[in-house]
């Protein structure tokens, strides 16, 4: 579903930021 992909993408961005 569209919203699931959006959440997954947002989670990826958040994860990348916390890794920095």
C-alpha atoms as a PDB file:
ATOM      1  CA  UNK A   1       0.000   0.000   0.000  1.00  0.00           C
ATOM      2  CA  UNK A   2       1.038   3.578  -0.676  1.00  0.00           C
ATOM      3  CA  UNK A   3       1.056   4.750   2.939  1.00  0.00           C
ATOM      4  CA  UNK A   4       3.105   1.730   3.983  1.00  0.00           C
ATOM      5  CA  UNK A   5       5.786   2.670   1.469  1.00  0.00           C
ATOM      6  CA  UNK A   6       5.730   6.261   2.697  1.00  0.00           C
ATOM      7  CA  UNK A   7       6.228   5.103   6.284  1.00  0.00           C
ATOM      8  CA  UNK A   8       9.037   2.778   5.204  1.00  0.00           C
ATOM      9  CA  UNK A   9      10.772   5.583   3.294  1.00  0.00           C
ATOM     10  CA  UNK A  10      10.355   7.978   6.221  1.00  0.00           C
ATOM     11  CA  UNK A  11      11.784   5.337   8.553  1.00  0.00           C
ATOM     12  CA  UNK A  12      14.780   4.936   6.268  1.00  0.00           C
ATOM     13  CA  UNK A  13      15.440   8.669   6.321  1.00  0.00           C
ATOM     14  CA  UNK A  14      15.075   8.765  10.111  1.00  0.00           C
ATOM     15  CA  UNK A  15      17.431   5.804  10.480  1.00  0.00           C
ATOM     16  CA  UNK A  16      20.026   7.436   8.236  1.00  0.00           C
ATOM     17  CA  UNK A  17      19.853  10.642  10.295  1.00  0.00           C
ATOM     18  CA  UNK A  18      20.260   8.820  13.617  1.00  0.00           C
ATOM     19  CA  UNK A  19      23.216   6.862  12.210  1.00  0.00           C
ATOM     20  CA  UNK A  20      25.090  10.078  11.395  1.00  0.00           C
END
